[in-house]
PDB file of N, CA and C in Angstrom:
ATOM      1  N   GLN A   1       4.879  13.386 -15.795  1.00  0.00           N
ATOM      2  CA  GLN A   1       4.706  12.117 -15.910  1.00  0.00           C
ATOM      3  C   GLN A   1       4.376  11.559 -13.838  1.00  0.00           C
ATOM      4  N   VAL A   2       3.523  10.571 -13.931  1.00  0.00           N
ATOM      5  CA  VAL A   2       3.191  10.499 -12.723  1.00  0.00           C
ATOM      6  C   VAL A   2       4.475   8.956 -12.348  1.00  0.00           C
ATOM      7  N   GLN A   3       4.875   8.988 -10.988  1.00  0.00           N
ATOM      8  CA  GLN A   3       5.801   8.112 -10.374  1.00  0.00           C
ATOM      9  C   GLN A   3       5.390   7.892  -9.192  1.00  0.00           C
ATOM     10  N   LEU A   4       5.341   6.736  -8.900  1.00  0.00           N
ATOM     11  CA  LEU A   4       4.993   6.079  -7.868  1.00  0.00           C
ATOM     12  C   LEU A   4       6.358   5.452  -7.003  1.00  0.00           C
ATOM     13  N   VAL A   5       7.088   5.336  -5.896  1.00  0.00           N
ATOM     14  CA  VAL A   5       8.114   4.945  -5.456  1.00  0.00           C
ATOM     15  C   VAL A   5       7.229   3.963  -3.777  1.00  0.00           C
ATOM     16  N   GLU A   6       7.515   2.827  -3.635  1.00  0.00           N
ATOM     17  CA  GLU A   6       7.292   2.200  -2.582  1.00  0.00           C
ATOM     18  C   GLU A   6       8.352   1.761  -1.958  1.00  0.00           C
ATOM     19  N   SER A   7       8.566   1.813  -0.671  1.00  0.00           N
ATOM     20  CA  SER A   7       9.404   1.337   0.361  1.00  0.00           C
ATOM     21  C   SER A   7       8.888   0.655   1.434  1.00  0.00           C
ATOM     22  N   GLY A   8       9.752   0.449   2.608  1.00  0.00           N
ATOM     23  CA  GLY A   8       9.609  -0.185   3.858  1.00  0.00           C
ATOM     24  C   GLY A   8       9.053  -1.496   4.299  1.00  0.00           C
ATOM     25  N   GLY A   9       9.302  -2.213   2.980  1.00  0.00           N
ATOM     26  CA  GLY A   9       9.030  -3.949   3.217  1.00  0.00           C
ATOM     27  C   GLY A   9      10.590  -4.314   3.829  1.00  0.00           C
ATOM     28  N   GLY A  10      10.284  -5.719   4.088  1.00  0.00           N
ATOM     29  CA  GLY A  10      11.381  -5.991   4.664  1.00  0.00           C
ATOM     30  C   GLY A  10      10.764  -7.688   5.363  1.00  0.00           C
ATOM     31  N   TRP A  11      11.852  -8.624   6.225  1.00  0.00           N
ATOM     32  CA  TRP A  11      11.162  -9.483   6.884  1.00  0.00           C
ATOM     33  C   TRP A  11      10.873  -9.029   8.365  1.00  0.00           C
ATOM     34  N   VAL A  12       9.646  -9.787   8.753  1.00  0.00           N
ATOM     35  CA  VAL A  12       9.166  -9.659  10.176  1.00  0.00           C
ATOM     36  C   VAL A  12       8.744 -10.396  10.631  1.00  0.00           C
ATOM     37  N   GLN A  13       8.579 -10.946  11.825  1.00  0.00           N
ATOM     38  CA  GLN A  13       7.532 -11.919  12.484  1.00  0.00           C
ATOM     39  C   GLN A  13       6.343 -11.740  12.666  1.00  0.00           C
ATOM     40  N   ALA A  14       5.653 -12.842  12.437  1.00  0.00           N
ATOM     41  CA  ALA A  14       4.364 -12.769  12.689  1.00  0.00           C
ATOM     42  C   ALA A  14       3.420 -12.012  13.799  1.00  0.00           C
ATOM     43  N   GLY A  15       3.094 -11.356  13.848  1.00  0.00           N
ATOM     44  CA  GLY A  15       2.504 -10.631  15.285  1.00  0.00           C
ATOM     45  C   GLY A  15       3.299  -9.259  15.217  1.00  0.00           C
ATOM     46  N   GLY A  16       4.604  -8.943  14.237  1.00  0.00           N
ATOM     47  CA  GLY A  16       5.067  -7.890  14.558  1.00  0.00           C
ATOM     48  C   GLY A  16       4.431  -6.319  13.414  1.00  0.00           C
ATOM     49  N   SER A  17       4.873  -5.844  13.160  1.00  0.00           N
ATOM     50  CA  SER A  17       4.260  -4.421  12.434  1.00  0.00           C
ATOM     51  C   SER A  17       5.644  -4.235  11.214  1.00  0.00           C
ATOM     52  N   LEU A  18       4.990  -3.632  10.066  1.00  0.00           N
ATOM     53  CA  LEU A  18       5.799  -2.419   9.141  1.00  0.00           C
ATOM     54  C   LEU A  18       4.973  -1.854   8.769  1.00  0.00           C
ATOM     55  N   ARG A  19       5.477  -0.762   8.538  1.00  0.00           N
ATOM     56  CA  ARG A  19       4.892   0.751   7.897  1.00  0.00           C
ATOM     57  C   ARG A  19       5.561   0.643   6.078  1.00  0.00           C
ATOM     58  N   LEU A  20       4.631   0.543   5.211  1.00  0.00           N
ATOM     59  CA  LEU A  20       4.851   1.085   4.010  1.00  0.00           C
ATOM     60  C   LEU A  20       4.727   2.169   3.285  1.00  0.00           C
ATOM     61  N   SER A  21       5.507   3.086   2.724  1.00  0.00           N
ATOM     62  CA  SER A  21       5.545   4.097   2.332  1.00  0.00           C
ATOM     63  C   SER A  21       5.278   4.112   0.458  1.00  0.00           C
ATOM     64  N   CYS A  22       4.488   4.735   0.077  1.00  0.00           N
ATOM     65  CA  CYS A  22       4.177   5.393  -1.271  1.00  0.00           C
ATOM     66  C   CYS A  22       4.387   6.402  -1.637  1.00  0.00           C
ATOM     67  N   GLY A  23       5.557   7.066  -2.069  1.00  0.00           N
ATOM     68  CA  GLY A  23       6.491   8.502  -2.220  1.00  0.00           C
ATOM     69  C   GLY A  23       5.602   8.789  -4.195  1.00  0.00           C
ATOM     70  N   VAL A  24       5.006   9.905  -4.049  1.00  0.00           N
ATOM     71  CA  VAL A  24       4.498  10.498  -5.500  1.00  0.00           C
ATOM     72  C   VAL A  24       4.964  11.435  -6.097  1.00  0.00           C
ATOM     73  N   SER A  25       5.222  11.347  -7.168  1.00  0.00           N
ATOM     74  CA  SER A  25       5.652  12.655  -7.936  1.00  0.00           C
ATOM     75  C   SER A  25       4.516  12.981  -9.098  1.00  0.00           C
ATOM     76  N   GLY A  26       4.414  14.114  -9.443  1.00  0.00           N
ATOM     77  CA  GLY A  26       3.955  14.127 -10.728  1.00  0.00           C
ATOM     78  C   GLY A  26       2.420  14.369 -11.040  1.00  0.00           C
ATOM     79  N   THR A  27       1.806  14.376  -9.268  1.00  0.00           N
ATOM     80  CA  THR A  27       0.409  14.721  -9.189  1.00  0.00           C
ATOM     81  C   THR A  27      -0.079  14.729  -7.781  1.00  0.00           C
ATOM     82  N   ASP A  28      -1.056  15.570  -7.550  1.00  0.00           N
ATOM     83  CA  ASP A  28      -1.156  15.750  -5.758  1.00  0.00           C
ATOM     84  C   ASP A  28      -2.069  14.660  -5.861  1.00  0.00           C
ATOM     85  N   ILE A  29      -1.809  14.033  -4.231  1.00  0.00           N
ATOM     86  CA  ILE A  29      -2.647  12.723  -3.771  1.00  0.00           C
ATOM     87  C   ILE A  29      -3.941  13.366  -3.049  1.00  0.00           C
ATOM     88  N   ASN A  30      -4.254  14.403  -3.252  1.00  0.00           N
ATOM     89  CA  ASN A  30      -5.617  15.007  -2.420  1.00  0.00           C
ATOM     90  C   ASN A  30      -6.586  15.262  -3.868  1.00  0.00           C
ATOM     91  N   MET A  31      -6.127  14.765  -4.684  1.00  0.00           N
ATOM     92  CA  MET A  31      -7.081  14.495  -6.184  1.00  0.00           C
ATOM     93  C   MET A  31      -7.330  13.407  -6.723  1.00  0.00           C
ATOM     94  N   ILE A  32      -6.828  12.308  -5.956  1.00  0.00           N
ATOM     95  CA  ILE A  32      -6.757  10.906  -6.530  1.00  0.00           C
ATOM     96  C   ILE A  32      -6.998   9.992  -5.618  1.00  0.00           C
ATOM     97  N   ALA A  33      -7.907   9.190  -5.822  1.00  0.00           N
ATOM     98  CA  ALA A  33      -7.898   8.140  -4.770  1.00  0.00           C
ATOM     99  C   ALA A  33      -6.371   7.049  -5.088  1.00  0.00           C
ATOM    100  N   MET A  34      -6.170   6.370  -3.670  1.00  0.00           N
ATOM    101  CA  MET A  34      -4.894   5.686  -4.312  1.00  0.00           C
ATOM    102  C   MET A  34      -5.383   4.144  -3.955  1.00  0.00           C
ATOM    103  N   VAL A  35      -4.427   3.168  -4.039  1.00  0.00           N
ATOM    104  CA  VAL A  35      -4.814   1.795  -3.868  1.00  0.00           C
ATOM    105  C   VAL A  35      -3.629   1.048  -3.347  1.00  0.00           C
ATOM    106  N   TRP A  36      -3.488   0.292  -2.137  1.00  0.00           N
ATOM    107  CA  TRP A  36      -2.136  -0.673  -1.965  1.00  0.00           C
ATOM    108  C   TRP A  36      -2.855  -1.986  -2.553  1.00  0.00           C
ATOM    109  N   PHE A  37      -2.103  -3.011  -3.578  1.00  0.00           N
ATOM    110  CA  PHE A  37      -2.167  -3.948  -3.770  1.00  0.00           C
ATOM    111  C   PHE A  37      -1.266  -5.111  -3.158  1.00  0.00           C
ATOM    112  N   ARG A  38      -1.413  -6.252  -3.389  1.00  0.00           N
ATOM    113  CA  ARG A  38      -0.422  -7.157  -2.877  1.00  0.00           C
ATOM    114  C   ARG A  38      -0.473  -8.435  -3.669  1.00  0.00           C
ATOM    115  N   GLN A  39       0.477  -8.749  -3.838  1.00  0.00           N
ATOM    116  CA  GLN A  39       0.848  -9.587  -4.919  1.00  0.00           C
ATOM    117  C   GLN A  39       1.612 -11.041  -4.222  1.00  0.00           C
ATOM    118  N   THR A  40       0.663 -12.183  -4.153  1.00  0.00           N
ATOM    119  CA  THR A  40       1.086 -13.270  -3.697  1.00  0.00           C
ATOM    120  C   THR A  40       1.853 -14.320  -4.286  1.00  0.00           C
ATOM    121  N   PRO A  41       2.690 -14.875  -3.745  1.00  0.00           N
ATOM    122  CA  PRO A  41       3.855 -15.855  -3.993  1.00  0.00           C
ATOM    123  C   PRO A  41       3.662 -16.419  -5.248  1.00  0.00           C
ATOM    124  N   ASP A  42       1.693 -16.932  -5.288  1.00  0.00           N
ATOM    125  CA  ASP A  42       1.552 -17.462  -6.423  1.00  0.00           C
ATOM    126  C   ASP A  42       0.970 -16.387  -7.470  1.00  0.00           C
ATOM    127  N   TYR A  43       1.566 -15.376  -7.627  1.00  0.00           N
ATOM    128  CA  TYR A  43       1.250 -14.255  -8.285  1.00  0.00           C
ATOM    129  C   TYR A  43       0.038 -13.472  -8.690  1.00  0.00           C
ATOM    130  N   GLN A  44      -1.083 -13.902  -7.575  1.00  0.00           N
ATOM    131  CA  GLN A  44      -2.217 -13.267  -7.805  1.00  0.00           C
ATOM    132  C   GLN A  44      -2.125 -11.842  -6.845  1.00  0.00           C
ATOM    133  N   ARG A  45      -2.592 -10.556  -7.662  1.00  0.00           N
ATOM    134  CA  ARG A  45      -2.409  -9.696  -6.811  1.00  0.00           C
ATOM    135  C   ARG A  45      -4.176  -9.324  -6.816  1.00  0.00           C
ATOM    136  N   GLU A  46      -4.093  -8.593  -5.621  1.00  0.00           N
ATOM    137  CA  GLU A  46      -5.618  -8.125  -4.781  1.00  0.00           C
ATOM    138  C   GLU A  46      -5.582  -7.043  -4.330  1.00  0.00           C
ATOM    139  N   ALA A  47      -6.511  -6.059  -4.615  1.00  0.00           N
ATOM    140  CA  ALA A  47      -6.190  -4.825  -3.814  1.00  0.00           C
ATOM    141  C   ALA A  47      -6.765  -5.022  -2.230  1.00  0.00           C
ATOM    142  N   ILE A  48      -5.940  -4.342  -1.313  1.00  0.00           N
ATOM    143  CA  ILE A  48      -6.336  -4.670  -0.121  1.00  0.00           C
ATOM    144  C   ILE A  48      -6.788  -3.177   0.419  1.00  0.00           C
ATOM    145  N   ALA A  49      -6.307  -2.135   0.438  1.00  0.00           N
ATOM    146  CA  ALA A  49      -6.666  -0.859   0.761  1.00  0.00           C
ATOM    147  C   ALA A  49      -6.752   0.266   0.122  1.00  0.00           C
ATOM    148  N   ARG A  50      -7.910   1.155   0.238  1.00  0.00           N
ATOM    149  CA  ARG A  50      -7.686   1.989  -0.542  1.00  0.00           C
ATOM    150  C   ARG A  50      -8.153   3.339   0.427  1.00  0.00           C
ATOM    151  N   ILE A  51      -7.918   4.605  -0.548  1.00  0.00           N
ATOM    152  CA  ILE A  51      -7.809   5.528   0.010  1.00  0.00           C
ATOM    153  C   ILE A  51      -8.400   6.537  -1.014  1.00  0.00           C
ATOM    154  N   SER A  52      -9.498   7.396  -0.273  1.00  0.00           N
ATOM    155  CA  SER A  52     -10.053   8.138  -1.839  1.00  0.00           C
ATOM    156  C   SER A  52      -9.371   9.697  -1.777  1.00  0.00           C
ATOM    157  N   SER A  53      -9.753  10.297  -2.717  1.00  0.00           N
ATOM    158  CA  SER A  53      -9.024  11.657  -2.618  1.00  0.00           C
ATOM    159  C   SER A  53      -9.458  12.629  -1.632  1.00  0.00           C
ATOM    160  N   LEU A  54     -10.789  12.267  -0.799  1.00  0.00           N
ATOM    161  CA  LEU A  54     -11.428  12.861   0.540  1.00  0.00           C
ATOM    162  C   LEU A  54     -10.176  12.381   1.331  1.00  0.00           C
ATOM    163  N   GLY A  55      -9.560  11.182   1.512  1.00  0.00           N
ATOM    164  CA  GLY A  55      -9.007  10.868   2.881  1.00  0.00           C
ATOM    165  C   GLY A  55      -9.629   9.946   3.300  1.00  0.00           C
ATOM    166  N   ALA A  56     -10.622   9.420   2.694  1.00  0.00           N
ATOM    167  CA  ALA A  56     -11.449   8.151   3.639  1.00  0.00           C
ATOM    168  C   ALA A  56     -10.888   6.604   2.982  1.00  0.00           C
ATOM    169  N   PRO A  57     -10.367   6.268   3.962  1.00  0.00           N
ATOM    170  CA  PRO A  57      -9.784   4.707   3.720  1.00  0.00           C
ATOM    171  C   PRO A  57     -10.906   3.510   3.876  1.00  0.00           C
ATOM    172  N   THR A  58     -10.548   2.557   3.032  1.00  0.00           N
ATOM    173  CA  THR A  58     -11.212   1.199   3.048  1.00  0.00           C
ATOM    174  C   THR A  58     -10.781   0.123   2.959  1.00  0.00           C
ATOM    175  N   TYR A  59     -10.953  -0.979   3.525  1.00  0.00           N
ATOM    176  CA  TYR A  59     -10.023  -2.027   3.633  1.00  0.00           C
ATOM    177  C   TYR A  59     -10.620  -3.771   3.245  1.00  0.00           C
ATOM    178  N   VAL A  60     -10.171  -4.538   2.709  1.00  0.00           N
ATOM    179  CA  VAL A  60     -10.607  -5.824   2.470  1.00  0.00           C
ATOM    180  C   VAL A  60     -11.038  -6.362   4.083  1.00  0.00           C
ATOM    181  N   PRO A  61     -11.429  -7.372   4.139  1.00  0.00           N
ATOM    182  CA  PRO A  61     -11.771  -7.824   5.287  1.00  0.00           C
ATOM    183  C   PRO A  61     -10.650  -8.389   5.818  1.00  0.00           C
ATOM    184  N   SER A  62      -9.751  -9.096   5.040  1.00  0.00           N
ATOM    185  CA  SER A  62      -8.176  -9.944   5.644  1.00  0.00           C
ATOM    186  C   SER A  62      -7.637  -8.898   6.549  1.00  0.00           C
ATOM    187  N   VAL A  63      -7.580  -7.663   6.009  1.00  0.00           N
ATOM    188  CA  VAL A  63      -6.593  -6.637   6.665  1.00  0.00           C
ATOM    189  C   VAL A  63      -7.309  -5.605   7.756  1.00  0.00           C
ATOM    190  N   LYS A  64      -8.606  -5.793   7.548  1.00  0.00           N
ATOM    191  CA  LYS A  64      -9.219  -4.851   8.317  1.00  0.00           C
ATOM    192  C   LYS A  64      -9.101  -4.745  10.018  1.00  0.00           C
ATOM    193  N   GLY A  65      -8.845  -3.578  10.656  1.00  0.00           N
ATOM    194  CA  GLY A  65      -8.098  -3.882  12.026  1.00  0.00           C
ATOM    195  C   GLY A  65      -7.150  -4.187  12.038  1.00  0.00           C
ATOM    196  N   ARG A  66      -6.294  -4.262  11.310  1.00  0.00           N
ATOM    197  CA  ARG A  66      -4.685  -4.881  11.557  1.00  0.00           C
ATOM    198  C   ARG A  66      -3.996  -3.620  10.393  1.00  0.00           C
ATOM    199  N   PHE A  67      -4.317  -3.306   9.454  1.00  0.00           N
ATOM    200  CA  PHE A  67      -3.341  -2.306   8.457  1.00  0.00           C
ATOM    201  C   PHE A  67      -4.422  -1.187   8.752  1.00  0.00           C
ATOM    202  N   THR A  68      -3.689   0.104   8.600  1.00  0.00           N
ATOM    203  CA  THR A  68      -4.227   1.390   8.755  1.00  0.00           C
ATOM    204  C   THR A  68      -3.859   2.302   7.351  1.00  0.00           C
ATOM    205  N   LEU A  69      -4.207   2.912   6.443  1.00  0.00           N
ATOM    206  CA  LEU A  69      -3.833   3.655   5.510  1.00  0.00           C
ATOM    207  C   LEU A  69      -3.855   5.165   5.924  1.00  0.00           C
ATOM    208  N   SER A  70      -3.043   5.665   5.774  1.00  0.00           N
ATOM    209  CA  SER A  70      -3.226   7.371   5.726  1.00  0.00           C
ATOM    210  C   SER A  70      -2.447   7.923   4.865  1.00  0.00           C
ATOM    211  N   ARG A  71      -2.235   9.502   4.596  1.00  0.00           N
ATOM    212  CA  ARG A  71      -1.480   9.877   3.713  1.00  0.00           C
ATOM    213  C   ARG A  71      -0.988  11.061   4.284  1.00  0.00           C
ATOM    214  N   ASP A  72       0.375  11.748   3.631  1.00  0.00           N
ATOM    215  CA  ASP A  72       0.702  12.886   3.717  1.00  0.00           C
ATOM    216  C   ASP A  72       0.909  13.769   2.778  1.00  0.00           C
ATOM    217  N   ILE A  73      -0.213  14.680   2.776  1.00  0.00           N
ATOM    218  CA  ILE A  73      -0.279  15.620   1.775  1.00  0.00           C
ATOM    219  C   ILE A  73       1.062  16.427   1.005  1.00  0.00           C
ATOM    220  N   ALA A  74       1.701  16.939   2.172  1.00  0.00           N
ATOM    221  CA  ALA A  74       2.729  17.754   2.354  1.00  0.00           C
ATOM    222  C   ALA A  74       3.762  16.697   1.666  1.00  0.00           C
ATOM    223  N   LYS A  75       3.871  15.973   2.214  1.00  0.00           N
ATOM    224  CA  LYS A  75       4.507  14.775   1.707  1.00  0.00           C
ATOM    225  C   LYS A  75       4.695  13.825   0.443  1.00  0.00           C
ATOM    226  N   ILE A  76       3.355  14.282   0.202  1.00  0.00           N
ATOM    227  CA  ILE A  76       2.879  13.714  -1.306  1.00  0.00           C
ATOM    228  C   ILE A  76       3.378  12.051  -1.212  1.00  0.00           C
ATOM    229  N   THR A  77       2.842  11.317   0.252  1.00  0.00           N
ATOM    230  CA  THR A  77       2.965  10.221   0.394  1.00  0.00           C
ATOM    231  C   THR A  77       1.998   9.605   0.791  1.00  0.00           C
ATOM    232  N   VAL A  78       1.632   8.131   0.622  1.00  0.00           N
ATOM    233  CA  VAL A  78       0.782   7.441   1.572  1.00  0.00           C
ATOM    234  C   VAL A  78       1.577   6.104   1.849  1.00  0.00           C
ATOM    235  N   TYR A  79       0.753   6.026   3.087  1.00  0.00           N
ATOM    236  CA  TYR A  79       1.292   5.105   4.190  1.00  0.00           C
ATOM    237  C   TYR A  79       0.252   3.897   4.168  1.00  0.00           C
ATOM    238  N   LEU A  80       1.021   2.600   4.483  1.00  0.00           N
ATOM    239  CA  LEU A  80       0.105   1.578   5.076  1.00  0.00           C
ATOM    240  C   LEU A  80       0.900   1.133   6.404  1.00  0.00           C
ATOM    241  N   GLN A  81       0.397   1.160   7.174  1.00  0.00           N
ATOM    242  CA  GLN A  81       0.570   0.943   8.630  1.00  0.00           C
ATOM    243  C   GLN A  81       0.362  -0.756   8.796  1.00  0.00           C
ATOM    244  N   MET A  82       1.361  -1.612   8.970  1.00  0.00           N
ATOM    245  CA  MET A  82       0.557  -2.740   8.919  1.00  0.00           C
ATOM    246  C   MET A  82       0.991  -3.132  10.375  1.00  0.00           C
ATOM    247  N   ASN A  83      -0.252  -3.806  11.161  1.00  0.00           N
ATOM    248  CA  ASN A  83      -0.037  -4.456  12.448  1.00  0.00           C
ATOM    249  C   ASN A  83      -0.489  -5.814  12.518  1.00  0.00           C
ATOM    250  N   ASP A  84       0.147  -6.407  13.574  1.00  0.00           N
ATOM    251  CA  ASP A  84      -0.253  -8.053  14.171  1.00  0.00           C
ATOM    252  C   ASP A  84      -0.203  -8.718  12.588  1.00  0.00           C
ATOM    253  N   VAL A  85       1.162  -8.822  11.914  1.00  0.00           N
ATOM    254  CA  VAL A  85       1.001  -9.249  10.400  1.00  0.00           C
ATOM    255  C   VAL A  85       0.957 -10.875  10.864  1.00  0.00           C
ATOM    256  N   LYS A  86       0.491 -11.384   9.294  1.00  0.00           N
ATOM    257  CA  LYS A  86       0.598 -13.002   9.718  1.00  0.00           C
ATOM    258  C   LYS A  86       1.386 -13.465   8.562  1.00  0.00           C
ATOM    259  N   PRO A  87       1.596 -14.623   8.513  1.00  0.00           N
ATOM    260  CA  PRO A  87       2.406 -15.437   7.492  1.00  0.00           C
ATOM    261  C   PRO A  87       2.044 -15.271   6.269  1.00  0.00           C
ATOM    262  N   VAL A  88       0.061 -15.343   6.024  1.00  0.00           N
ATOM    263  CA  VAL A  88      -0.542 -14.841   5.107  1.00  0.00           C
ATOM    264  C   VAL A  88      -0.586 -13.315   4.359  1.00  0.00           C
ATOM    265  N   ASP A  89       0.113 -12.620   4.871  1.00  0.00           N
ATOM    266  CA  ASP A  89       0.267 -11.205   4.501  1.00  0.00           C
ATOM    267  C   ASP A  89       1.682 -11.256   3.526  1.00  0.00           C
ATOM    268  N   THR A  90       2.715 -12.098   3.430  1.00  0.00           N
ATOM    269  CA  THR A  90       3.572 -12.337   2.721  1.00  0.00           C
ATOM    270  C   THR A  90       3.008 -12.123   1.331  1.00  0.00           C
ATOM    271  N   GLY A  91       4.029 -11.141   0.800  1.00  0.00           N
ATOM    272  CA  GLY A  91       3.734 -10.876  -0.545  1.00  0.00           C
ATOM    273  C   GLY A  91       4.685  -9.443  -0.963  1.00  0.00           C
ATOM    274  N   ILE A  92       4.324  -9.250  -2.551  1.00  0.00           N
ATOM    275  CA  ILE A  92       4.730  -7.908  -2.969  1.00  0.00           C
ATOM    276  C   ILE A  92       3.921  -6.627  -2.819  1.00  0.00           C
ATOM    277  N   TYR A  93       4.113  -5.657  -2.318  1.00  0.00           N
ATOM    278  CA  TYR A  93       3.033  -4.563  -2.225  1.00  0.00           C
ATOM    279  C   TYR A  93       3.150  -3.418  -3.154  1.00  0.00           C
ATOM    280  N   PHE A  94       2.245  -3.299  -3.680  1.00  0.00           N
ATOM    281  CA  PHE A  94       2.379  -2.420  -4.800  1.00  0.00           C
ATOM    282  C   PHE A  94       1.568  -0.951  -4.791  1.00  0.00           C
ATOM    283  N   CYS A  95       1.776   0.003  -4.756  1.00  0.00           N
ATOM    284  CA  CYS A  95       0.192   1.473  -4.785  1.00  0.00           C
ATOM    285  C   CYS A  95      -0.009   1.694  -5.970  1.00  0.00           C
ATOM    286  N   ASN A  96      -0.769   1.973  -6.385  1.00  0.00           N
ATOM    287  CA  ASN A  96      -1.465   2.309  -7.616  1.00  0.00           C
ATOM    288  C   ASN A  96      -2.483   3.599  -7.772  1.00  0.00           C
ATOM    289  N   ALA A  97      -2.169   4.507  -8.648  1.00  0.00           N
ATOM    290  CA  ALA A  97      -2.966   5.403  -8.723  1.00  0.00           C
ATOM    291  C   ALA A  97      -3.531   5.918 -10.196  1.00  0.00           C
ATOM    292  N   ARG A  98      -4.566   6.090 -10.166  1.00  0.00           N
ATOM    293  CA  ARG A  98      -5.376   6.302 -11.409  1.00  0.00           C
ATOM    294  C   ARG A  98      -5.149   7.669 -11.774  1.00  0.00           C
ATOM    295  N   VAL A  99      -4.680   8.352 -12.786  1.00  0.00           N
ATOM    296  CA  VAL A  99      -4.496   9.674 -13.091  1.00  0.00           C
ATOM    297  C   VAL A  99      -5.414  10.158 -14.329  1.00  0.00           C
ATOM    298  N   VAL A 100      -6.248  10.553 -14.475  1.00  0.00           N
ATOM    299  CA  VAL A 100      -7.100  10.956 -15.809  1.00  0.00           C
ATOM    300  C   VAL A 100      -7.074   9.560 -16.728  1.00  0.00           C
ATOM    301  N   GLY A 101      -7.180   8.919 -16.152  1.00  0.00           N
ATOM    302  CA  GLY A 101      -7.850   7.254 -16.572  1.00  0.00           C
ATOM    303  C   GLY A 101      -6.651   6.297 -16.882  1.00  0.00           C
ATOM    304  N   GLN A 102      -5.893   6.569 -16.392  1.00  0.00           N
ATOM    305  CA  GLN A 102      -4.439   5.843 -16.931  1.00  0.00           C
ATOM    306  C   GLN A 102      -3.938   5.597 -15.486  1.00  0.00           C
ATOM    307  N   ASP A 103      -3.717   4.119 -15.451  1.00  0.00           N
ATOM    308  CA  ASP A 103      -3.096   3.427 -14.056  1.00  0.00           C
ATOM    309  C   ASP A 103      -1.496   3.793 -14.162  1.00  0.00           C
ATOM    310  N   TYR A 104      -1.274   3.789 -12.631  1.00  0.00           N
ATOM    311  CA  TYR A 104       0.510   4.145 -12.680  1.00  0.00           C
ATOM    312  C   TYR A 104       0.607   3.275 -11.252  1.00  0.00           C
ATOM    313  N   TRP A 105       1.865   2.556 -11.573  1.00  0.00           N
ATOM    314  CA  TRP A 105       1.998   1.547 -10.588  1.00  0.00           C
ATOM    315  C   TRP A 105       3.916   1.524  -9.816  1.00  0.00           C
ATOM    316  N   GLY A 106       4.080   1.366  -8.655  1.00  0.00           N
ATOM    317  CA  GLY A 106       5.296   1.338  -8.407  1.00  0.00           C
ATOM    318  C   GLY A 106       5.770   0.348  -8.415  1.00  0.00           C
ATOM    319  N   GLN A 107       7.271   0.203  -8.022  1.00  0.00           N
ATOM    320  CA  GLN A 107       8.129  -1.256  -8.514  1.00  0.00           C
ATOM    321  C   GLN A 107       7.627  -2.548  -7.475  1.00  0.00           C
ATOM    322  N   GLY A 108       7.240  -2.017  -6.209  1.00  0.00           N
ATOM    323  CA  GLY A 108       6.780  -2.777  -5.403  1.00  0.00           C
ATOM    324  C   GLY A 108       7.680  -2.692  -4.203  1.00  0.00           C
ATOM    325  N   THR A 109       7.406  -3.487  -3.069  1.00  0.00           N
ATOM    326  CA  THR A 109       8.080  -3.684  -1.939  1.00  0.00           C
ATOM    327  C   THR A 109       7.998  -5.141  -1.587  1.00  0.00           C
ATOM    328  N   GLN A 110       8.672  -5.828  -1.160  1.00  0.00           N
ATOM    329  CA  GLN A 110       8.782  -6.995  -0.405  1.00  0.00           C
ATOM    330  C   GLN A 110       8.408  -7.489   0.445  1.00  0.00           C
ATOM    331  N   VAL A 111       7.578  -8.101   0.843  1.00  0.00           N
ATOM    332  CA  VAL A 111       6.951  -8.152   2.567  1.00  0.00           C
ATOM    333  C   VAL A 111       7.471  -9.810   2.931  1.00  0.00           C
ATOM    334  N   THR A 112       7.726 -10.197   3.867  1.00  0.00           N
ATOM    335  CA  THR A 112       8.130 -11.508   4.362  1.00  0.00           C
ATOM    336  C   THR A 112       7.748 -11.823   5.581  1.00  0.00           C
ATOM    337  N   VAL A 113       6.655 -11.958   6.034  1.00  0.00           N
ATOM    338  CA  VAL A 113       6.283 -12.498   7.697  1.00  0.00           C
ATOM    339  C   VAL A 113       6.632 -14.445   7.762  1.00  0.00           C
ATOM    340  N   SER A 114       7.439 -14.062   8.570  1.00  0.00           N
ATOM    341  CA  SER A 114       7.660 -15.758   8.974  1.00  0.00           C
ATOM    342  C   SER A 114       6.779 -16.212  10.003  1.00  0.00           C
ATOM    343  N   SER A 115       6.589 -17.346  10.374  1.00  0.00           N
ATOM    344  CA  SER A 115       5.625 -17.861  11.562  1.00  0.00           C
ATOM    345  C   SER A 115       6.632 -18.300  12.628  1.00  0.00           C
TER     346      SER A 115
END
């Protein structure tokens, strides 16, 4: 059974930084792509960053240059380093993995950015 657990969210002032973690069990992260989603207060959920099975990250324009996606294969953890955060980054952050055609989600971690 694949399980994902996010952590690291919290309250931060605009311009500050946070590092989110997504701990994974039940699969090897070097064999799958993983995606971070952000759900805004109006319940819109969008993919913002993706890391391929080979470890190559991609980002949507709104976070590119500010967020960095990385992974630690030994710790089976994916990280989202958030720098220069803005109030529009406020939301619940979820990590997602698709394994053998099935999507798995964590419970999410809340990020609140104040101006």
